[in-house]
N, C-alpha and C. Protein backbone atom coordinates (compact mmCIF):
# COMPACT_ATOMS: atom_id res chain seq x y z
N MET A 1 -2.69 -5.59 13.19
CA MET A 1 -1.86 -5.36 14.28
C MET A 1 -2.54 -4.94 15.74
N LYS A 2 -3.37 -3.73 15.16
CA LYS A 2 -4.08 -3.07 15.93
C LYS A 2 -5.37 -3.79 16.95
N ASP A 3 -6.17 -4.85 16.17
CA ASP A 3 -6.99 -5.58 16.51
C ASP A 3 -6.23 -6.67 17.64
N LEU A 4 -5.13 -6.99 17.08
CA LEU A 4 -4.75 -8.15 17.79
C LEU A 4 -4.21 -7.77 19.35
N ILE A 5 -3.55 -6.62 19.22
CA ILE A 5 -3.39 -6.02 20.53
C ILE A 5 -4.44 -5.45 21.21
N THR A 6 -5.64 -5.23 20.80
CA THR A 6 -6.93 -4.83 21.63
C THR A 6 -7.63 -5.95 21.84
N TYR A 7 -7.61 -6.84 21.26
CA TYR A 7 -8.13 -8.39 21.68
C TYR A 7 -7.35 -9.03 22.98
N ILE A 8 -6.10 -8.93 22.87
CA ILE A 8 -5.33 -9.48 24.06
C ILE A 8 -5.44 -8.77 25.15
N ALA A 9 -5.34 -7.39 25.32
CA ALA A 9 -5.41 -6.64 26.19
C ALA A 9 -6.87 -6.49 26.61
N LYS A 10 -7.99 -6.27 26.17
CA LYS A 10 -9.32 -6.60 26.67
C LYS A 10 -9.41 -8.03 27.36
N ALA A 11 -9.07 -9.13 27.00
CA ALA A 11 -8.81 -10.36 27.61
C ALA A 11 -8.15 -10.32 29.04
N LEU A 12 -7.11 -9.30 29.09
CA LEU A 12 -6.48 -9.28 30.52
C LEU A 12 -7.05 -8.54 31.53
N VAL A 13 -7.73 -7.56 30.81
CA VAL A 13 -8.00 -6.23 32.00
C VAL A 13 -9.34 -6.78 32.86
N ASP A 14 -9.79 -5.81 33.70
CA ASP A 14 -10.90 -5.75 34.25
C ASP A 14 -11.91 -5.02 33.64
N LYS A 15 -11.39 -4.03 33.12
CA LYS A 15 -12.21 -3.06 32.36
C LYS A 15 -12.11 -2.63 30.95
N PRO A 16 -12.49 -3.77 30.07
CA PRO A 16 -12.13 -3.46 28.82
C PRO A 16 -12.83 -2.66 28.00
N GLU A 17 -13.81 -1.72 28.66
CA GLU A 17 -14.40 -0.72 27.67
C GLU A 17 -13.45 0.44 27.75
N GLU A 18 -12.08 0.34 28.76
CA GLU A 18 -11.33 1.44 28.76
C GLU A 18 -9.87 1.42 28.15
N VAL A 19 -9.93 0.13 27.44
CA VAL A 19 -8.71 -0.35 26.59
C VAL A 19 -9.09 0.83 25.15
N LYS A 20 -7.41 1.40 24.95
CA LYS A 20 -7.82 1.97 23.87
C LYS A 20 -6.29 1.86 22.96
N VAL A 21 -6.03 1.63 21.84
CA VAL A 21 -4.87 1.50 21.09
C VAL A 21 -5.16 2.33 19.87
N THR A 22 -4.22 3.30 19.64
CA THR A 22 -4.02 4.16 19.09
C THR A 22 -2.67 3.55 17.92
N GLU A 23 -2.64 3.96 16.42
CA GLU A 23 -1.76 3.41 15.98
C GLU A 23 -0.81 4.77 14.81
N ILE A 24 0.24 4.71 14.82
CA ILE A 24 0.71 5.75 14.58
C ILE A 24 1.31 5.04 13.28
N VAL A 25 1.64 5.71 12.15
CA VAL A 25 2.18 4.42 11.04
C VAL A 25 3.40 5.61 10.44
N GLY A 26 4.23 5.17 10.25
CA GLY A 26 5.50 5.51 9.63
C GLY A 26 5.55 4.76 8.29
N ASP A 27 6.98 5.07 7.49
CA ASP A 27 7.36 4.55 6.71
C ASP A 27 7.88 3.11 6.80
N GLN A 28 8.61 2.65 7.82
CA GLN A 28 9.05 1.74 7.85
C GLN A 28 8.71 1.10 9.41
N THR A 29 8.18 1.71 10.03
CA THR A 29 8.04 1.20 11.53
C THR A 29 6.23 2.05 12.19
N SER A 30 5.43 1.22 12.78
CA SER A 30 4.43 1.86 13.33
C SER A 30 4.29 1.55 14.69
N VAL A 31 3.59 2.43 15.39
CA VAL A 31 3.90 2.38 16.45
C VAL A 31 2.26 2.40 17.10
N LEU A 32 2.16 0.92 18.05
CA LEU A 32 1.01 1.04 18.83
C LEU A 32 1.08 1.57 20.41
N GLU A 33 0.35 2.68 20.76
CA GLU A 33 -0.05 3.11 21.90
C GLU A 33 -1.03 2.45 22.62
N LEU A 34 -0.73 1.54 23.62
CA LEU A 34 -2.09 0.99 24.71
C LEU A 34 -1.88 1.70 25.65
N LYS A 35 -3.61 2.31 25.95
CA LYS A 35 -3.84 2.74 27.10
C LYS A 35 -4.78 1.69 27.73
N VAL A 36 -4.70 1.64 29.31
CA VAL A 36 -5.73 0.96 29.92
C VAL A 36 -6.14 1.62 31.44
N ALA A 37 -6.84 1.22 32.07
CA ALA A 37 -7.27 1.83 33.20
C ALA A 37 -6.47 1.77 33.95
N LYS A 38 -5.85 2.75 34.89
CA LYS A 38 -4.85 2.60 35.94
C LYS A 38 -4.75 1.42 36.93
N GLU A 39 -5.57 0.80 37.10
CA GLU A 39 -5.80 -0.32 37.95
C GLU A 39 -6.05 -1.30 37.43
N ASP A 40 -5.98 -1.41 35.98
CA ASP A 40 -5.34 -2.64 34.86
C ASP A 40 -4.05 -2.63 34.21
N LEU A 41 -2.93 -1.47 35.01
CA LEU A 41 -1.89 -1.17 34.23
C LEU A 41 -1.13 -2.50 34.45
N GLY A 42 -1.26 -2.92 35.79
CA GLY A 42 0.08 -4.22 36.14
C GLY A 42 -0.24 -5.31 35.58
N LYS A 43 -1.93 -5.76 35.11
CA LYS A 43 -2.38 -6.81 34.45
C LYS A 43 -1.78 -6.58 33.10
N VAL A 44 -1.44 -5.79 32.73
CA VAL A 44 -1.20 -5.65 31.38
C VAL A 44 0.62 -5.84 31.63
N ILE A 45 0.98 -5.17 32.16
CA ILE A 45 2.45 -4.97 32.07
C ILE A 45 3.02 -6.74 32.48
N GLY A 46 2.42 -7.17 33.89
CA GLY A 46 2.59 -8.84 34.28
C GLY A 46 3.81 -8.53 34.91
N LYS A 47 4.04 -9.48 35.53
CA LYS A 47 5.21 -9.82 36.71
C LYS A 47 6.76 -9.93 36.20
N GLN A 48 7.37 -8.70 36.23
CA GLN A 48 8.64 -8.52 35.92
C GLN A 48 8.26 -8.13 34.17
N GLY A 49 7.34 -7.51 33.66
CA GLY A 49 7.33 -7.19 32.62
C GLY A 49 6.74 -8.42 31.56
N ARG A 50 6.27 -9.48 31.97
CA ARG A 50 6.09 -10.84 31.01
C ARG A 50 5.11 -10.73 30.07
N THR A 51 3.99 -10.15 30.46
CA THR A 51 2.94 -10.10 29.87
C THR A 51 3.15 -9.13 28.64
N ALA A 52 3.60 -8.26 29.08
CA ALA A 52 4.32 -7.13 27.77
C ALA A 52 5.20 -7.47 26.74
N ARG A 53 5.82 -8.30 27.48
CA ARG A 53 7.14 -9.00 26.38
C ARG A 53 6.61 -9.87 25.61
N ALA A 54 5.67 -10.74 25.94
CA ALA A 54 4.84 -11.76 25.16
C ALA A 54 3.84 -10.76 23.95
N MET A 55 3.39 -9.79 24.59
CA MET A 55 2.63 -9.16 23.50
C MET A 55 3.51 -8.48 22.68
N ARG A 56 4.53 -8.15 22.96
CA ARG A 56 5.75 -7.56 21.99
C ARG A 56 5.98 -8.66 20.77
N THR A 57 6.51 -9.99 21.65
CA THR A 57 6.58 -10.88 20.84
C THR A 57 5.68 -11.29 20.02
N LEU A 58 4.60 -11.37 20.43
CA LEU A 58 3.66 -11.80 19.08
C LEU A 58 3.56 -10.77 17.80
N LEU A 59 3.47 -9.67 18.39
CA LEU A 59 3.48 -8.35 17.38
C LEU A 59 4.34 -8.04 16.89
N SER A 60 5.89 -8.68 17.17
CA SER A 60 6.63 -8.61 16.47
C SER A 60 6.91 -9.94 15.02
N ALA A 61 6.15 -10.95 15.53
CA ALA A 61 6.19 -11.97 14.63
C ALA A 61 4.78 -11.76 13.62
N SER A 62 4.06 -11.08 14.12
CA SER A 62 2.82 -10.92 13.09
C SER A 62 3.37 -9.75 12.26
N SER A 63 4.14 -8.97 12.60
CA SER A 63 4.52 -7.66 11.78
C SER A 63 5.66 -8.22 10.67
N ALA A 64 6.42 -9.08 11.09
CA ALA A 64 7.40 -9.76 10.21
C ALA A 64 6.82 -10.13 8.91
N LYS A 65 5.82 -10.87 9.10
CA LYS A 65 5.14 -10.96 7.97
C LYS A 65 4.84 -10.46 6.84
N ILE A 66 4.65 -9.03 7.47
CA ILE A 66 4.17 -8.01 6.41
C ILE A 66 5.44 -7.26 6.32
N ARG A 67 6.67 -7.49 6.87
CA ARG A 67 8.06 -7.11 6.52
C ARG A 67 8.04 -5.54 7.00
N LYS A 68 7.33 -5.24 8.29
CA LYS A 68 7.35 -3.86 8.83
C LYS A 68 7.15 -4.14 10.04
N ARG A 69 8.10 -2.82 11.03
CA ARG A 69 8.46 -3.23 12.17
C ARG A 69 7.35 -2.37 12.78
N THR A 70 6.82 -3.06 14.08
CA THR A 70 5.88 -2.36 14.88
C THR A 70 6.25 -2.66 16.29
N VAL A 71 6.25 -1.37 17.07
CA VAL A 71 6.63 -1.63 18.51
C VAL A 71 5.22 -1.20 19.31
N LEU A 72 5.13 -1.29 20.33
CA LEU A 72 4.32 -1.61 21.33
C LEU A 72 4.51 -0.47 22.89
N GLU A 73 4.08 0.17 22.86
CA GLU A 73 4.30 1.38 23.78
C GLU A 73 3.12 0.97 24.77
N ILE A 74 3.04 0.75 26.04
CA ILE A 74 2.05 0.99 27.11
C ILE A 74 2.02 2.45 27.62
N VAL A 75 1.22 2.90 27.81
CA VAL A 75 0.92 4.25 28.09
C VAL A 75 0.59 4.44 29.63
N GLU A 76 1.14 5.41 30.38
CA GLU A 76 0.47 5.41 31.94
C GLU A 76 -0.27 7.11 31.37
N GLU A 77 -1.31 6.66 32.24
CA GLU A 77 -2.29 8.25 32.21
C GLU A 77 -2.07 8.90 33.50
């Protein structure tokens, strides 16, 4: 899951070296925190949140295969 979000985020931003994904694992749910450069934040969120929603949809589809809930949080610094 972490690799999937990292790959997508690096493809979207201008500064891929500043993409950081942190995984917090729980019993039933995992949380992925995505941090990008401040100027790339809009590219990751997208117009009216469409890009972020698409990333969350891909994440939930791939996490359904392993029967675990995964949440994506985009963190502002």
